Amino acid sequence: MKVILDIKDNRIPFFMELVKSLDYISVIKEVKDESKSQFV
């Protein structure tokens, strides 16, 4: 399953550390550009 999340800027570092610490989740791609994220 794939999930797309919109996370507030001030919470991104915490959330990414949490996600990367879980062995059953793979981060495929991070979209940091707001205009590109609208496309995704």
Protein backbone atom coordinates (compact mmCIF):
# COMPACT_ATOMS: atom_id res chain seq x y z
CA MET A 1 0.00 0.00 0.00
CA LYS A 2 1.16 3.53 -0.73
CA VAL A 3 0.20 6.61 1.25
CA ILE A 4 0.78 10.29 0.49
CA LEU A 5 0.94 12.62 3.49
CA ASP A 6 0.98 16.37 3.84
CA ILE A 7 3.02 17.24 6.94
CA LYS A 8 3.52 20.67 8.48
CA ASP A 9 7.03 21.98 7.86
CA ASN A 10 7.97 22.19 11.52
CA ARG A 11 7.15 18.48 12.06
CA ILE A 12 8.95 17.00 9.06
CA PRO A 13 12.30 16.15 10.75
CA PHE A 14 10.58 14.40 13.66
CA PHE A 15 8.20 12.49 11.40
CA MET A 16 10.95 11.38 8.99
CA GLU A 17 13.09 10.07 11.87
CA LEU A 18 10.12 8.15 13.18
CA VAL A 19 9.25 6.65 9.79
CA LYS A 20 12.85 5.68 9.02
CA SER A 21 13.14 3.92 12.37
CA LEU A 22 10.31 1.53 11.46
CA ASP A 23 11.63 -1.46 9.55
CA TYR A 24 8.34 -2.19 7.79
CA ILE A 25 8.17 1.22 6.06
CA SER A 26 10.21 2.23 3.03
CA VAL A 27 10.52 5.88 2.07
CA ILE A 28 10.35 5.83 -1.71
CA LYS A 29 10.47 9.53 -2.48
CA GLU A 30 10.33 12.82 -0.62
CA VAL A 31 8.79 15.72 -2.52
CA LYS A 32 9.89 19.01 -0.99
CA ASP A 33 8.79 21.40 -3.73
CA GLU A 34 5.23 22.56 -3.09
CA SER A 35 4.38 22.91 -6.79
CA LYS A 36 5.61 19.39 -7.54
CA SER A 37 3.79 17.96 -4.55
CA GLN A 38 0.51 19.33 -5.96
CA PHE A 39 1.17 17.27 -9.08
CA VAL A 40 1.87 14.09 -7.14
